[in-house]
Protein backbone atom coordinates (compact mmCIF):
# COMPACT_ATOMS: atom_id res chain seq x y z
CA MET A 1 -4.98 3.51 6.25
CA GLU A 2 -4.60 7.22 5.86
CA ILE A 3 -6.86 9.40 3.75
CA VAL A 4 -5.65 12.82 2.69
CA LYS A 5 -8.37 14.88 1.00
CA ASP A 6 -7.79 15.57 -2.69
CA SER A 7 -4.44 13.85 -2.68
CA HIS A 8 -4.07 10.10 -2.14
CA ILE A 9 -5.00 7.07 -0.12
CA GLY A 10 -1.90 5.69 1.54
CA LEU A 11 -1.19 2.34 3.04
CA ASN A 12 1.80 2.65 5.36
CA ILE A 13 3.33 -0.69 6.41
CA LYS A 14 6.22 -1.47 8.69
CA ILE A 15 7.67 -4.93 7.94
CA ASP A 16 10.17 -6.61 10.27
CA THR A 17 12.49 -8.06 7.62
CA SER A 18 14.06 -10.34 10.21
CA ILE A 19 10.73 -12.21 10.30
CA CYS A 20 9.32 -11.82 6.78
CA ALA A 21 10.95 -10.65 3.53
CA VAL A 22 9.18 -7.83 1.69
CA MET A 23 8.69 -10.11 -1.32
CA ASP A 24 6.92 -12.70 0.85
CA TYR A 25 4.54 -9.99 2.00
CA PHE A 26 3.83 -9.06 -1.62
CA GLU A 27 3.01 -12.68 -2.47
CA ILE A 28 0.58 -12.93 0.39
CA PHE A 29 -1.19 -9.56 0.08
CA LEU A 30 -0.89 -8.70 -3.64
CA ASN A 31 -4.60 -9.19 -4.31
CA ARG A 32 -5.52 -6.84 -1.44
CA MET A 33 -3.17 -4.16 -2.67
CA ILE A 34 -4.68 -4.39 -6.15
CA LEU A 35 -8.13 -3.91 -4.61
CA CYS A 36 -6.87 -0.81 -2.77
CA ARG A 37 -5.51 0.63 -6.01
CA LYS A 38 -8.79 -0.05 -7.83
CA ALA A 39 -10.78 1.53 -4.98
CA ALA A 40 -8.61 4.64 -5.12
CA GLU A 41 -9.22 4.90 -8.88
CA LYS A 42 -12.99 4.71 -8.26
CA LEU A 43 -12.59 7.54 -5.71
CA GLU A 44 -10.59 9.47 -8.36
CA THR A 45 -7.45 9.63 -6.27
CA GLU A 46 -4.07 7.87 -6.09
CA PHE A 47 -3.06 4.81 -4.09
CA TRP A 48 0.34 5.03 -2.40
CA LEU A 49 2.04 2.05 -0.78
CA VAL A 50 4.74 2.93 1.69
CA ILE A 51 6.88 0.15 3.18
CA ASN A 52 9.30 0.94 5.97
CA GLY A 53 9.19 4.58 5.08
CA GLN A 54 9.85 4.12 1.33
CA ARG A 55 7.11 4.78 -1.20
CA VAL A 56 6.84 1.73 -3.40
CA ILE A 57 3.77 2.54 -5.51
């Protein structure tokens, strides 16, 4: 996890799509990503999800 002061909290993930589809990852870890977003809100910042170099959220 990367914390950038006064900007955002980012979760940068590299997924090997030959092993696991991105959608499979979302099904498995959706609850954890929601908790990250809620935590960022409490810290009054944004939560960014970056998968394979592409910002998703």
